[in-house]
Amino acid sequence: MASSRDADRAVRDLHNVVVRATTWSSLASADIRSKYRLSTFGSLWITTTTGAMALGIGLFYGQFFGQDMHNYLPYFTANIVTWTFISSVLSDASGSLVGAGNLIGSSQMPIVFHILRMLQRNFIIFLHNAIVLAAVWPFVRWPLYSSALLSLAGLILLYLFLIGMSVVVAIICARYRDIPPLIQVIIQFLFFLTPIIWYPEQIKTGAEILKLNPVTCMLMIVRDPILGRPMEIQTWIIAIGLSATSLIAGSLMYVRYRRRIAFWV
């Protein structure tokens, strides 16, 4: 009987994710404003930092390896902006529930809101960073087609994918405190395994292994349409499958372990 009530409450929490989306979205916005409240340039530091890194690494790596900067700089910029969003979410998810331990124990706010708050906060930062790609375009113009709008669809799929992954990572890390350092190692490993600073076409052997990396697929559906790079329909099918699987896994895990989280944190 108790487990049935716990499951019903968990399901209501997941329902409230949509119904009360303004709550966790507003909290995320407040986090950004609070962080830069006494700063002169405010959240512009986010864009400036990412722009400096994209320009510095992009120019250095591109020139060092003889890349065409008109193609490589926007490619690297789109990659690093999207990768920063993905890696930041996975990294912050590992400590999101533990960091909100006091709130979880003292408020009636749905526990999953703390995870969504973290995700939305990183999404706002992503939107700031996306300005860098727009700023690069006047200098290294690449053709923009109507298919560039598919990047928005890719971004939605990526967001849904990260919702599920964040819930899974957050719950596992709340239960096992040795996992967060492992998450950081995995993120670093994925950076080199994902085509961020190199082109997928540069792989001579083992290209099939690249397809086993889900981050590669999620990166491509955001990056390739806006850069006018060709995409296979298979990539979209895989991305949709990954997003659906992630959401289902996150939902099932939250329903199963929600009542234990307060004791773990």
Protein backbone atom coordinates (compact mmCIF):
# COMPACT_ATOMS: atom_id res chain seq x y z
CA MET A 1 0.00 0.00 0.00
CA ALA A 2 2.79 2.36 0.95
CA SER A 3 4.74 1.55 -2.19
CA SER A 4 1.64 2.28 -4.27
CA ARG A 5 1.27 5.70 -2.64
CA ASP A 6 4.96 6.43 -3.21
CA ALA A 7 4.63 5.49 -6.87
CA ASP A 8 1.56 7.71 -7.26
CA ARG A 9 3.42 10.62 -5.70
CA ALA A 10 6.38 10.08 -8.00
CA VAL A 11 4.06 10.03 -11.01
CA ARG A 12 2.47 13.30 -9.81
CA ASP A 13 5.96 14.80 -9.55
CA LEU A 14 6.66 13.88 -13.17
CA HIS A 15 3.31 15.34 -14.19
CA ASN A 16 4.17 18.56 -12.37
CA VAL A 17 7.38 18.82 -14.38
CA VAL A 18 5.20 19.92 -17.29
CA VAL A 19 2.34 21.60 -15.43
CA ARG A 20 4.62 23.64 -13.17
CA ALA A 21 7.48 24.16 -15.61
CA THR A 22 7.56 27.86 -14.79
CA THR A 23 8.61 27.02 -11.22
CA TRP A 24 11.87 25.26 -11.98
CA SER A 25 12.51 27.54 -14.96
CA SER A 26 12.19 30.62 -12.75
CA LEU A 27 14.48 29.12 -10.14
CA ALA A 28 17.09 28.47 -12.83
CA SER A 29 16.87 32.07 -14.05
CA ALA A 30 17.21 33.28 -10.47
CA ASP A 31 20.37 31.20 -10.09
CA ILE A 32 21.95 32.96 -13.09
CA ARG A 33 20.94 36.42 -11.86
CA SER A 34 22.23 35.67 -8.38
CA LYS A 35 25.59 34.45 -9.67
CA TYR A 36 26.26 37.66 -11.61
CA ARG A 37 24.33 40.08 -9.39
CA LEU A 38 27.33 42.27 -8.43
CA SER A 39 29.21 41.79 -11.69
CA THR A 40 29.70 44.74 -14.03
CA PHE A 41 29.21 42.74 -17.23
CA GLY A 42 26.87 40.18 -15.69
CA SER A 43 26.06 37.13 -17.76
CA LEU A 44 28.08 38.53 -20.70
CA TRP A 45 31.06 36.87 -19.02
CA ILE A 46 29.55 33.54 -20.06
CA THR A 47 29.60 34.49 -23.73
CA THR A 48 32.99 36.19 -23.50
CA THR A 49 34.67 33.19 -21.88
CA THR A 50 33.27 30.72 -24.40
CA GLY A 51 34.09 33.04 -27.30
CA ALA A 52 37.69 33.41 -26.20
CA MET A 53 38.08 29.64 -25.84
CA ALA A 54 36.46 28.90 -29.21
CA LEU A 55 38.55 31.52 -30.98
CA GLY A 56 41.80 30.59 -29.25
CA ILE A 57 41.59 26.81 -29.56
CA GLY A 58 39.87 26.97 -32.95
CA LEU A 59 42.49 29.19 -34.52
CA PHE A 60 45.43 27.39 -32.91
CA TYR A 61 44.27 23.87 -33.70
CA GLY A 62 43.07 24.81 -37.16
CA GLN A 63 46.30 26.53 -38.14
CA PHE A 64 48.49 23.91 -36.49
CA PHE A 65 46.89 21.07 -38.41
CA GLY A 66 46.39 23.00 -41.63
CA GLN A 67 42.59 23.17 -41.53
CA ASP A 68 40.54 25.55 -43.67
CA MET A 69 39.52 28.13 -41.06
CA HIS A 70 36.37 29.11 -42.98
CA ASN A 71 35.09 25.59 -42.40
CA TYR A 72 36.83 24.59 -39.20
CA LEU A 73 36.16 27.61 -36.97
CA PRO A 74 32.33 27.44 -37.17
CA TYR A 75 32.54 23.65 -36.91
CA PHE A 76 34.59 23.80 -33.73
CA THR A 77 32.53 26.65 -32.27
CA ALA A 78 29.24 24.80 -32.77
CA ASN A 79 30.81 21.69 -31.28
CA ILE A 80 32.29 23.31 -28.19
CA VAL A 81 29.10 25.25 -27.43
CA THR A 82 26.96 22.11 -27.64
CA TRP A 83 29.51 19.93 -25.85
CA THR A 84 29.81 22.42 -22.99
CA PHE A 85 26.04 22.16 -22.51
CA ILE A 86 26.10 18.35 -22.50
CA SER A 87 29.14 17.96 -20.26
CA SER A 88 28.00 20.63 -17.80
CA VAL A 89 24.61 18.97 -17.38
CA LEU A 90 26.09 15.52 -16.79
CA SER A 91 28.71 16.93 -14.42
CA ASP A 92 26.23 19.02 -12.40
CA ALA A 93 23.69 16.20 -12.34
CA SER A 94 26.12 14.09 -10.32
CA GLY A 95 25.83 16.52 -7.40
CA SER A 96 22.41 18.09 -7.96
CA LEU A 97 20.48 16.01 -5.41
CA VAL A 98 23.24 15.96 -2.81
CA GLY A 99 23.63 19.73 -3.13
CA ALA A 100 19.90 20.20 -2.64
CA GLY A 101 19.79 17.89 0.37
CA ASN A 102 18.61 20.55 2.82
CA LEU A 103 15.79 21.67 0.51
CA ILE A 104 14.72 18.11 -0.16
CA GLY A 105 14.39 17.46 3.56
CA SER A 106 12.64 20.70 4.45
CA SER A 107 10.31 21.53 1.53
CA GLN A 108 7.45 19.92 -0.34
CA MET A 109 8.91 20.78 -3.74
CA PRO A 110 9.01 17.73 -6.04
CA ILE A 111 12.49 16.26 -5.88
CA VAL A 112 12.82 16.09 -9.64
CA PHE A 113 12.50 19.89 -9.76
CA HIS A 114 16.02 20.22 -8.37
CA ILE A 115 17.35 18.23 -11.32
CA LEU A 116 15.30 20.20 -13.86
CA ARG A 117 16.45 23.44 -12.23
CA MET A 118 20.05 22.43 -12.83
CA LEU A 119 19.31 21.44 -16.42
CA GLN A 120 17.49 24.67 -17.22
CA ARG A 121 20.29 26.71 -15.65
CA ASN A 122 22.78 25.09 -18.01
CA PHE A 123 20.40 25.58 -20.92
CA ILE A 124 20.31 29.32 -20.24
CA ILE A 125 24.11 29.31 -20.27
CA PHE A 126 23.98 27.40 -23.57
CA LEU A 127 21.78 30.12 -25.07
CA HIS A 128 24.34 32.73 -24.00
CA ASN A 129 27.12 30.67 -25.57
CA ALA A 130 25.16 30.24 -28.81
CA ILE A 131 25.71 33.96 -29.41
CA VAL A 132 29.36 33.10 -30.09
CA LEU A 133 28.40 31.06 -33.16
CA ALA A 134 26.27 33.92 -34.45
CA ALA A 135 29.19 36.31 -33.88
CA VAL A 136 31.53 34.07 -35.91
CA TRP A 137 29.27 34.01 -38.98
CA PRO A 138 30.02 37.53 -40.32
CA PHE A 139 33.74 36.70 -40.42
CA VAL A 140 33.62 33.18 -41.88
CA ARG A 141 30.36 33.13 -43.74
CA TRP A 142 28.96 29.70 -44.50
CA PRO A 143 25.75 29.10 -46.47
CA LEU A 144 22.59 29.00 -44.37
CA TYR A 145 19.72 26.92 -45.72
CA SER A 146 16.17 26.47 -44.52
CA SER A 147 17.25 23.10 -43.17
CA ALA A 148 19.16 25.01 -40.47
CA LEU A 149 15.84 25.16 -38.60
CA LEU A 150 16.24 21.44 -38.00
CA SER A 151 18.83 22.40 -35.39
CA LEU A 152 15.91 23.50 -33.20
CA ALA A 153 14.38 20.04 -33.51
CA GLY A 154 17.78 18.58 -32.67
CA LEU A 155 18.05 20.84 -29.65
CA ILE A 156 14.65 19.69 -28.39
CA LEU A 157 15.70 16.06 -28.73
CA LEU A 158 18.97 16.81 -26.95
CA TYR A 159 17.09 18.53 -24.11
CA LEU A 160 14.77 15.54 -23.68
CA PHE A 161 17.74 13.18 -23.78
CA LEU A 162 19.50 15.15 -21.05
CA ILE A 163 16.37 15.20 -18.86
CA GLY A 164 16.37 11.42 -18.67
CA MET A 165 20.14 11.14 -18.33
CA SER A 166 20.22 13.78 -15.59
CA VAL A 167 17.64 11.91 -13.51
CA VAL A 168 19.50 8.62 -13.89
CA VAL A 169 22.91 10.14 -13.08
CA ALA A 170 21.56 12.21 -10.17
CA ILE A 171 19.87 9.26 -8.47
CA ILE A 172 22.83 6.92 -8.92
CA CYS A 173 25.26 9.53 -7.62
CA ALA A 174 23.02 10.27 -4.63
CA ARG A 175 23.10 6.60 -3.68
CA TYR A 176 26.74 5.86 -4.45
CA ARG A 177 29.08 8.74 -3.56
CA ASP A 178 32.04 7.18 -5.38
CA ILE A 179 30.30 7.59 -8.73
CA PRO A 180 30.63 11.40 -9.23
CA PRO A 181 34.44 11.25 -9.72
CA LEU A 182 33.87 8.45 -12.22
CA ILE A 183 31.38 10.62 -14.08
CA GLN A 184 34.09 13.30 -14.47
CA VAL A 185 36.48 10.70 -15.91
CA ILE A 186 33.83 9.47 -18.35
CA ILE A 187 33.13 13.05 -19.48
CA GLN A 188 36.81 13.64 -20.19
CA PHE A 189 37.00 10.35 -22.07
CA LEU A 190 33.92 11.24 -24.14
CA PHE A 191 35.48 14.56 -25.13
CA PHE A 192 38.25 12.78 -27.02
CA LEU A 193 35.93 10.06 -28.32
CA THR A 194 33.46 12.59 -29.75
CA PRO A 195 34.16 14.54 -32.98
CA ILE A 196 34.56 17.95 -31.35
CA ILE A 197 38.06 19.08 -32.35
CA TRP A 198 38.31 16.63 -35.24
CA TYR A 199 36.13 15.66 -38.19
CA PRO A 200 34.40 12.25 -38.31
CA GLU A 201 35.71 11.92 -41.87
CA GLN A 202 39.27 11.84 -40.52
CA ILE A 203 38.77 8.38 -39.04
CA LYS A 204 40.32 5.78 -41.30
CA THR A 205 39.58 2.68 -39.25
CA GLY A 206 37.12 1.96 -36.48
CA ALA A 207 34.44 4.35 -37.73
CA GLU A 208 31.78 1.91 -36.51
CA ILE A 209 32.96 2.43 -32.93
CA LEU A 210 32.11 6.10 -33.28
CA LYS A 211 28.46 5.19 -33.81
CA LEU A 212 28.37 3.53 -30.39
CA ASN A 213 28.89 6.93 -28.75
CA PRO A 214 25.41 8.42 -28.12
CA VAL A 215 26.90 11.89 -27.59
CA THR A 216 28.13 11.89 -31.20
CA CYS A 217 24.62 11.42 -32.51
CA MET A 218 23.09 14.05 -30.22
CA LEU A 219 25.85 16.48 -31.15
CA MET A 220 25.32 15.96 -34.87
CA ILE A 221 21.57 16.72 -34.85
CA VAL A 222 22.25 20.13 -33.30
CA ARG A 223 25.44 21.01 -35.19
CA ASP A 224 25.08 19.68 -38.73
CA PRO A 225 21.81 21.36 -39.83
CA ILE A 226 22.96 24.87 -38.92
CA LEU A 227 26.31 24.32 -40.65
CA GLY A 228 24.68 22.90 -43.77
CA ARG A 229 26.38 19.54 -43.35
CA PRO A 230 24.57 16.52 -44.85
CA MET A 231 22.76 14.21 -42.44
CA GLU A 232 21.36 10.74 -42.83
CA ILE A 233 17.78 9.98 -41.77
CA GLN A 234 19.26 7.13 -39.72
CA THR A 235 20.90 9.69 -37.44
CA TRP A 236 17.53 11.28 -36.64
CA ILE A 237 15.96 7.88 -35.98
CA ILE A 238 18.76 6.99 -33.57
CA ALA A 239 18.47 10.38 -31.84
CA ILE A 240 14.72 9.96 -31.36
CA GLY A 241 15.29 6.47 -29.99
CA LEU A 242 17.98 7.70 -27.59
CA SER A 243 15.77 10.52 -26.30
CA ALA A 244 12.78 8.22 -25.79
CA THR A 245 14.90 5.56 -24.07
CA SER A 246 16.50 8.16 -21.82
CA LEU A 247 13.14 9.61 -20.76
CA ILE A 248 11.67 6.18 -20.07
CA ALA A 249 14.73 5.10 -18.06
CA GLY A 250 14.72 8.33 -16.05
CA SER A 251 10.99 8.12 -15.34
CA LEU A 252 11.10 4.49 -14.26
CA MET A 253 14.10 5.10 -12.05
CA TYR A 254 12.49 8.13 -10.40
CA VAL A 255 9.25 6.25 -9.71
CA ARG A 256 11.23 3.34 -8.26
CA TYR A 257 13.61 5.27 -5.99
CA ARG A 258 11.94 8.60 -5.25
CA ARG A 259 11.04 7.82 -1.64
CA ARG A 260 14.61 6.77 -0.84
CA ILE A 261 16.33 9.90 -2.12
CA ALA A 262 15.59 11.93 1.02
CA PHE A 263 17.42 9.31 3.09
CA TRP A 264 20.38 9.16 0.73
CA VAL A 265 21.09 12.90 0.70
